[in-house]
Amino acid sequence: DEGDTHACPESFTVALLAAGAVIGAIDVV
């Protein structure tokens, strides 16, 4: 973005994992 939102080569995979954690948490709850 025009601010300070950075990505490194692994960030796409990590971001999918972060969203996946919420999905997994919803399932167990």
PDB file of all heavy atoms in Angstrom:
ATOM      1  N   ASP A   1       0.854  -1.192   0.000  1.00  0.00           N
ATOM      2  CA  ASP A   1       0.000   0.000   0.000  1.00  0.00           C
ATOM      3  C   ASP A   1       0.883   1.233   0.000  1.00  0.00           C
ATOM      4  O   ASP A   1       2.095   1.147  -0.184  1.00  0.00           O
ATOM      5  CB  ASP A   1      -0.961  -0.016   1.200  1.00  0.00           C
ATOM      6  CG  ASP A   1      -0.228   0.071   2.544  1.00  0.00           C
ATOM      7  OD1 ASP A   1       1.017   0.029   2.558  1.00  0.00           O
ATOM      8  OD2 ASP A   1      -0.911   0.172   3.577  1.00  0.00           O
ATOM      9  N   GLU A   2       0.269   2.389   0.218  1.00  0.00           N
ATOM     10  CA  GLU A   2       1.034   3.635   0.233  1.00  0.00           C
ATOM     11  C   GLU A   2       1.592   3.929   1.615  1.00  0.00           C
ATOM     12  O   GLU A   2       2.235   4.956   1.832  1.00  0.00           O
ATOM     13  CB  GLU A   2       0.139   4.807  -0.210  1.00  0.00           C
ATOM     14  CG  GLU A   2      -0.416   4.692  -1.613  1.00  0.00           C
ATOM     15  CD  GLU A   2      -1.606   3.738  -1.705  1.00  0.00           C
ATOM     16  OE1 GLU A   2      -2.265   3.476  -0.663  1.00  0.00           O
ATOM     17  OE2 GLU A   2      -1.867   3.241  -2.815  1.00  0.00           O
ATOM     18  N   GLY A   3       1.330   3.039   2.575  1.00  0.00           N
ATOM     19  CA  GLY A   3       1.770   3.274   3.941  1.00  0.00           C
ATOM     20  C   GLY A   3       2.914   2.383   4.340  1.00  0.00           C
ATOM     21  O   GLY A   3       4.020   2.502   3.814  1.00  0.00           O
ATOM     22  N   ASP A   4       2.647   1.422   5.247  1.00  0.00           N
ATOM     23  CA  ASP A   4       3.721   0.562   5.739  1.00  0.00           C
ATOM     24  C   ASP A   4       3.252  -0.879   5.897  1.00  0.00           C
ATOM     25  O   ASP A   4       3.566  -1.546   6.873  1.00  0.00           O
ATOM     26  CB  ASP A   4       4.289   1.087   7.061  1.00  0.00           C
ATOM     27  CG  ASP A   4       3.211   1.441   8.066  1.00  0.00           C
ATOM     28  OD1 ASP A   4       2.043   1.107   7.843  1.00  0.00           O
ATOM     29  OD2 ASP A   4       3.557   2.053   9.105  1.00  0.00           O
ATOM     30  N   THR A   5       2.493  -1.339   4.906  1.00  0.00           N
ATOM     31  CA  THR A   5       2.055  -2.731   4.883  1.00  0.00           C
ATOM     32  C   THR A   5       3.026  -3.508   4.001  1.00  0.00           C
ATOM     33  O   THR A   5       3.016  -3.371   2.778  1.00  0.00           O
ATOM     34  CB  THR A   5       0.617  -2.855   4.346  1.00  0.00           C
ATOM     35  OG1 THR A   5      -0.234  -2.013   5.123  1.00  0.00           O
ATOM     36  CG2 THR A   5       0.126  -4.292   4.428  1.00  0.00           C
ATOM     37  N   HIS A   6       3.852  -4.306   4.637  1.00  0.00           N
ATOM     38  CA  HIS A   6       4.942  -4.989   3.952  1.00  0.00           C
ATOM     39  C   HIS A   6       4.619  -6.464   3.736  1.00  0.00           C
ATOM     40  O   HIS A   6       3.878  -7.076   4.503  1.00  0.00           O
ATOM     41  CB  HIS A   6       6.244  -4.877   4.767  1.00  0.00           C
ATOM     42  CG  HIS A   6       6.752  -3.485   4.898  1.00  0.00           C
ATOM     43  ND1 HIS A   6       7.685  -2.957   4.034  1.00  0.00           N
ATOM     44  CD2 HIS A   6       6.461  -2.514   5.792  1.00  0.00           C
ATOM     45  CE1 HIS A   6       7.952  -1.709   4.395  1.00  0.00           C
ATOM     46  NE2 HIS A   6       7.225  -1.423   5.459  1.00  0.00           N
ATOM     47  N   ALA A   7       5.230  -7.026   2.697  1.00  0.00           N
ATOM     48  CA  ALA A   7       5.159  -8.467   2.448  1.00  0.00           C
ATOM     49  C   ALA A   7       6.556  -8.961   2.100  1.00  0.00           C
ATOM     50  O   ALA A   7       7.324  -8.272   1.433  1.00  0.00           O
ATOM     51  CB  ALA A   7       4.196  -8.775   1.308  1.00  0.00           C
ATOM     52  N   CYS A   8       6.874 -10.150   2.572  1.00  0.00           N
ATOM     53  CA  CYS A   8       8.105 -10.833   2.194  1.00  0.00           C
ATOM     54  C   CYS A   8       7.717 -12.052   1.362  1.00  0.00           C
ATOM     55  O   CYS A   8       6.515 -12.311   1.169  1.00  0.00           O
ATOM     56  CB  CYS A   8       8.898 -11.223   3.445  1.00  0.00           C
ATOM     57  SG  CYS A   8       8.162 -12.553   4.418  1.00  0.00           S
ATOM     58  N   PRO A   9       8.649 -12.805   0.837  1.00  0.00           N
ATOM     59  CA  PRO A   9       8.267 -13.937  -0.019  1.00  0.00           C
ATOM     60  C   PRO A   9       7.316 -14.938   0.644  1.00  0.00           C
ATOM     61  O   PRO A   9       6.485 -15.556  -0.028  1.00  0.00           O
ATOM     62  CB  PRO A   9       9.614 -14.589  -0.348  1.00  0.00           C
ATOM     63  CG  PRO A   9      10.582 -13.440  -0.328  1.00  0.00           C
ATOM     64  CD  PRO A   9      10.107 -12.562   0.792  1.00  0.00           C
ATOM     65  N   GLU A  10       7.396 -15.094   1.956  1.00  0.00           N
ATOM     66  CA  GLU A  10       6.556 -16.077   2.651  1.00  0.00           C
ATOM     67  C   GLU A  10       5.218 -15.518   3.120  1.00  0.00           C
ATOM     68  O   GLU A  10       4.376 -16.258   3.636  1.00  0.00           O
ATOM     69  CB  GLU A  10       7.312 -16.621   3.874  1.00  0.00           C
ATOM     70  CG  GLU A  10       8.553 -17.427   3.559  1.00  0.00           C
ATOM     71  CD  GLU A  10       9.762 -16.588   3.198  1.00  0.00           C
ATOM     72  OE1 GLU A  10       9.765 -15.369   3.525  1.00  0.00           O
ATOM     73  OE2 GLU A  10      10.691 -17.123   2.564  1.00  0.00           O
ATOM     74  N   SER A  11       4.992 -14.225   2.946  1.00  0.00           N
ATOM     75  CA  SER A  11       3.835 -13.583   3.579  1.00  0.00           C
ATOM     76  C   SER A  11       2.494 -14.086   3.054  1.00  0.00           C
ATOM     77  O   SER A  11       1.518 -14.169   3.812  1.00  0.00           O
ATOM     78  CB  SER A  11       3.915 -12.060   3.404  1.00  0.00           C
ATOM     79  OG  SER A  11       5.017 -11.528   4.092  1.00  0.00           O
ATOM     80  N   PHE A  12       2.414 -14.425   1.778  1.00  0.00           N
ATOM     81  CA  PHE A  12       1.144 -14.915   1.229  1.00  0.00           C
ATOM     82  C   PHE A  12       0.735 -16.201   1.943  1.00  0.00           C
ATOM     83  O   PHE A  12      -0.414 -16.347   2.390  1.00  0.00           O
ATOM     84  CB  PHE A  12       1.270 -15.158  -0.274  1.00  0.00           C
ATOM     85  CG  PHE A  12      -0.014 -15.590  -0.936  1.00  0.00           C
ATOM     86  CD1 PHE A  12      -0.997 -14.665  -1.239  1.00  0.00           C
ATOM     87  CD2 PHE A  12      -0.230 -16.923  -1.250  1.00  0.00           C
ATOM     88  CE1 PHE A  12      -2.191 -15.054  -1.855  1.00  0.00           C
ATOM     89  CE2 PHE A  12      -1.408 -17.328  -1.865  1.00  0.00           C
ATOM     90  CZ  PHE A  12      -2.388 -16.387  -2.166  1.00  0.00           C
ATOM     91  N   THR A  13       1.669 -17.113   2.086  1.00  0.00           N
ATOM     92  CA  THR A  13       1.388 -18.388   2.760  1.00  0.00           C
ATOM     93  C   THR A  13       1.027 -18.167   4.225  1.00  0.00           C
ATOM     94  O   THR A  13       0.099 -18.793   4.754  1.00  0.00           O
ATOM     95  CB  THR A  13       2.613 -19.312   2.658  1.00  0.00           C
ATOM     96  OG1 THR A  13       2.906 -19.552   1.278  1.00  0.00           O
ATOM     97  CG2 THR A  13       2.360 -20.638   3.349  1.00  0.00           C
ATOM     98  N   VAL A  14       1.741 -17.263   4.879  1.00  0.00           N
ATOM     99  CA  VAL A  14       1.475 -16.992   6.291  1.00  0.00           C
ATOM    100  C   VAL A  14       0.098 -16.339   6.462  1.00  0.00           C
ATOM    101  O   VAL A  14      -0.642 -16.660   7.399  1.00  0.00           O
ATOM    102  CB  VAL A  14       2.576 -16.110   6.894  1.00  0.00           C
ATOM    103  CG1 VAL A  14       2.273 -15.809   8.363  1.00  0.00           C
ATOM    104  CG2 VAL A  14       3.934 -16.790   6.784  1.00  0.00           C
ATOM    105  N   ALA A  15      -0.257 -15.437   5.558  1.00  0.00           N
ATOM    106  CA  ALA A  15      -1.563 -14.785   5.646  1.00  0.00           C
ATOM    107  C   ALA A  15      -2.699 -15.793   5.478  1.00  0.00           C
ATOM    108  O   ALA A  15      -3.738 -15.692   6.139  1.00  0.00           O
ATOM    109  CB  ALA A  15      -1.666 -13.677   4.604  1.00  0.00           C
ATOM    110  N   LEU A  16      -2.522 -16.767   4.603  1.00  0.00           N
ATOM    111  CA  LEU A  16      -3.522 -17.833   4.466  1.00  0.00           C
ATOM    112  C   LEU A  16      -3.615 -18.649   5.750  1.00  0.00           C
ATOM    113  O   LEU A  16      -4.703 -19.082   6.153  1.00  0.00           O
ATOM    114  CB  LEU A  16      -3.176 -18.749   3.296  1.00  0.00           C
ATOM    115  CG  LEU A  16      -3.287 -18.166   1.883  1.00  0.00           C
ATOM    116  CD1 LEU A  16      -2.886 -19.224   0.852  1.00  0.00           C
ATOM    117  CD2 LEU A  16      -4.699 -17.662   1.598  1.00  0.00           C
ATOM    118  N   LEU A  17      -2.486 -18.849   6.410  1.00  0.00           N
ATOM    119  CA  LEU A  17      -2.468 -19.595   7.662  1.00  0.00           C
ATOM    120  C   LEU A  17      -3.201 -18.825   8.765  1.00  0.00           C
ATOM    121  O   LEU A  17      -3.922 -19.422   9.576  1.00  0.00           O
ATOM    122  CB  LEU A  17      -1.031 -19.869   8.069  1.00  0.00           C
ATOM    123  CG  LEU A  17      -0.818 -20.900   9.183  1.00  0.00           C
ATOM    124  CD1 LEU A  17      -1.203 -22.291   8.697  1.00  0.00           C
ATOM    125  CD2 LEU A  17       0.647 -20.878   9.636  1.00  0.00           C
ATOM    126  N   ALA A  18      -3.022 -17.510   8.797  1.00  0.00           N
ATOM    127  CA  ALA A  18      -3.717 -16.693   9.800  1.00  0.00           C
ATOM    128  C   ALA A  18      -5.222 -16.791   9.627  1.00  0.00           C
ATOM    129  O   ALA A  18      -5.966 -16.973  10.600  1.00  0.00           O
ATOM    130  CB  ALA A  18      -3.249 -15.240   9.702  1.00  0.00           C
ATOM    131  N   ALA A  19      -5.690 -16.667   8.384  1.00  0.00           N
ATOM    132  CA  ALA A  19      -7.126 -16.814   8.134  1.00  0.00           C
ATOM    133  C   ALA A  19      -7.583 -18.230   8.468  1.00  0.00           C
ATOM    134  O   ALA A  19      -8.679 -18.440   9.009  1.00  0.00           O
ATOM    135  CB  ALA A  19      -7.434 -16.476   6.679  1.00  0.00           C
ATOM    136  N   GLY A  20      -6.736 -19.219   8.160  1.00  0.00           N
ATOM    137  CA  GLY A  20      -7.082 -20.599   8.448  1.00  0.00           C
ATOM    138  C   GLY A  20      -7.195 -20.882   9.933  1.00  0.00           C
ATOM    139  O   GLY A  20      -7.989 -21.736  10.355  1.00  0.00           O
ATOM    140  N   ALA A  21      -6.412 -20.187  10.746  1.00  0.00           N
ATOM    141  CA  ALA A  21      -6.518 -20.355  12.190  1.00  0.00           C
ATOM    142  C   ALA A  21      -7.899 -19.949  12.682  1.00  0.00           C
ATOM    143  O   ALA A  21      -8.499 -20.616  13.535  1.00  0.00           O
ATOM    144  CB  ALA A  21      -5.443 -19.529  12.895  1.00  0.00           C
ATOM    145  N   VAL A  22      -8.435 -18.863  12.140  1.00  0.00           N
ATOM    146  CA  VAL A  22      -9.772 -18.411  12.540  1.00  0.00           C
ATOM    147  C   VAL A  22     -10.813 -19.439  12.112  1.00  0.00           C
ATOM    148  O   VAL A  22     -11.740 -19.756  12.869  1.00  0.00           O
ATOM    149  CB  VAL A  22     -10.068 -17.024  11.956  1.00  0.00           C
ATOM    150  CG1 VAL A  22     -11.436 -16.531  12.411  1.00  0.00           C
ATOM    151  CG2 VAL A  22      -8.984 -16.025  12.360  1.00  0.00           C
ATOM    152  N   ILE A  23     -10.676 -19.964  10.915  1.00  0.00           N
ATOM    153  CA  ILE A  23     -11.602 -20.995  10.441  1.00  0.00           C
ATOM    154  C   ILE A  23     -11.548 -22.223  11.351  1.00  0.00           C
ATOM    155  O   ILE A  23     -12.588 -22.768  11.760  1.00  0.00           O
ATOM    156  CB  ILE A  23     -11.264 -21.370   8.985  1.00  0.00           C
ATOM    157  CG1 ILE A  23     -11.665 -20.226   8.052  1.00  0.00           C
ATOM    158  CG2 ILE A  23     -11.941 -22.671   8.574  1.00  0.00           C
ATOM    159  CD1 ILE A  23     -11.193 -20.394   6.618  1.00  0.00           C
ATOM    160  N   GLY A  24     -10.347 -22.663  11.691  1.00  0.00           N
ATOM    161  CA  GLY A  24     -10.206 -23.815  12.577  1.00  0.00           C
ATOM    162  C   GLY A  24     -10.789 -23.548  13.951  1.00  0.00           C
ATOM    163  O   GLY A  24     -11.416 -24.436  14.562  1.00  0.00           O
ATOM    164  N   ALA A  25     -10.589 -22.346  14.458  1.00  0.00           N
ATOM    165  CA  ALA A  25     -11.127 -21.988  15.766  1.00  0.00           C
ATOM    166  C   ALA A  25     -12.647 -21.988  15.750  1.00  0.00           C
ATOM    167  O   ALA A  25     -13.302 -22.445  16.705  1.00  0.00           O
ATOM    168  CB  ALA A  25     -10.593 -20.619  16.184  1.00  0.00           C
ATOM    169  N   ILE A  26     -13.234 -21.479  14.682  1.00  0.00           N
ATOM    170  CA  ILE A  26     -14.688 -21.494  14.559  1.00  0.00           C
ATOM    171  C   ILE A  26     -15.214 -22.924  14.572  1.00  0.00           C
ATOM    172  O   ILE A  26     -16.217 -23.244  15.236  1.00  0.00           O
ATOM    173  CB  ILE A  26     -15.113 -20.751  13.276  1.00  0.00           C
ATOM    174  CG1 ILE A  26     -14.887 -19.242  13.452  1.00  0.00           C
ATOM    175  CG2 ILE A  26     -16.566 -21.046  12.912  1.00  0.00           C
ATOM    176  CD1 ILE A  26     -15.016 -18.431  12.182  1.00  0.00           C
ATOM    177  N   ASP A  27     -14.530 -23.808  13.885  1.00  0.00           N
ATOM    178  CA  ASP A  27     -14.958 -25.212  13.853  1.00  0.00           C
ATOM    179  C   ASP A  27     -14.963 -25.827  15.249  1.00  0.00           C
ATOM    180  O   ASP A  27     -15.947 -26.455  15.656  1.00  0.00           O
ATOM    181  CB  ASP A  27     -14.046 -26.030  12.935  1.00  0.00           C
ATOM    182  CG  ASP A  27     -14.360 -25.860  11.459  1.00  0.00           C
ATOM    183  OD1 ASP A  27     -15.473 -25.419  11.124  1.00  0.00           O
ATOM    184  OD2 ASP A  27     -13.480 -26.173  10.636  1.00  0.00           O
ATOM    185  N   VAL A  28     -13.875 -25.677  16.000  1.00  0.00           N
ATOM    186  CA  VAL A  28     -13.813 -26.354  17.296  1.00  0.00           C
ATOM    187  C   VAL A  28     -14.772 -25.738  18.309  1.00  0.00           C
ATOM    188  O   VAL A  28     -15.307 -26.441  19.174  1.00  0.00           O
ATOM    189  CB  VAL A  28     -12.373 -26.385  17.859  1.00  0.00           C
ATOM    190  CG1 VAL A  28     -11.460 -27.191  16.953  1.00  0.00           C
ATOM    191  CG2 VAL A  28     -11.819 -25.001  18.117  1.00  0.00           C
ATOM    192  N   VAL A  29     -15.019 -24.440  18.182  1.00  0.00           N
ATOM    193  CA  VAL A  29     -15.954 -23.790  19.104  1.00  0.00           C
ATOM    194  C   VAL A  29     -17.398 -24.173  18.770  1.00  0.00           C
ATOM    195  O   VAL A  29     -18.177 -24.548  19.659  1.00  0.00           O
ATOM    196  CB  VAL A  29     -15.754 -22.260  19.084  1.00  0.00           C
ATOM    197  CG1 VAL A  29     -16.900 -21.554  19.799  1.00  0.00           C
ATOM    198  CG2 VAL A  29     -14.427 -21.890  19.738  1.00  0.00           C
TER     199      VAL A  29
END
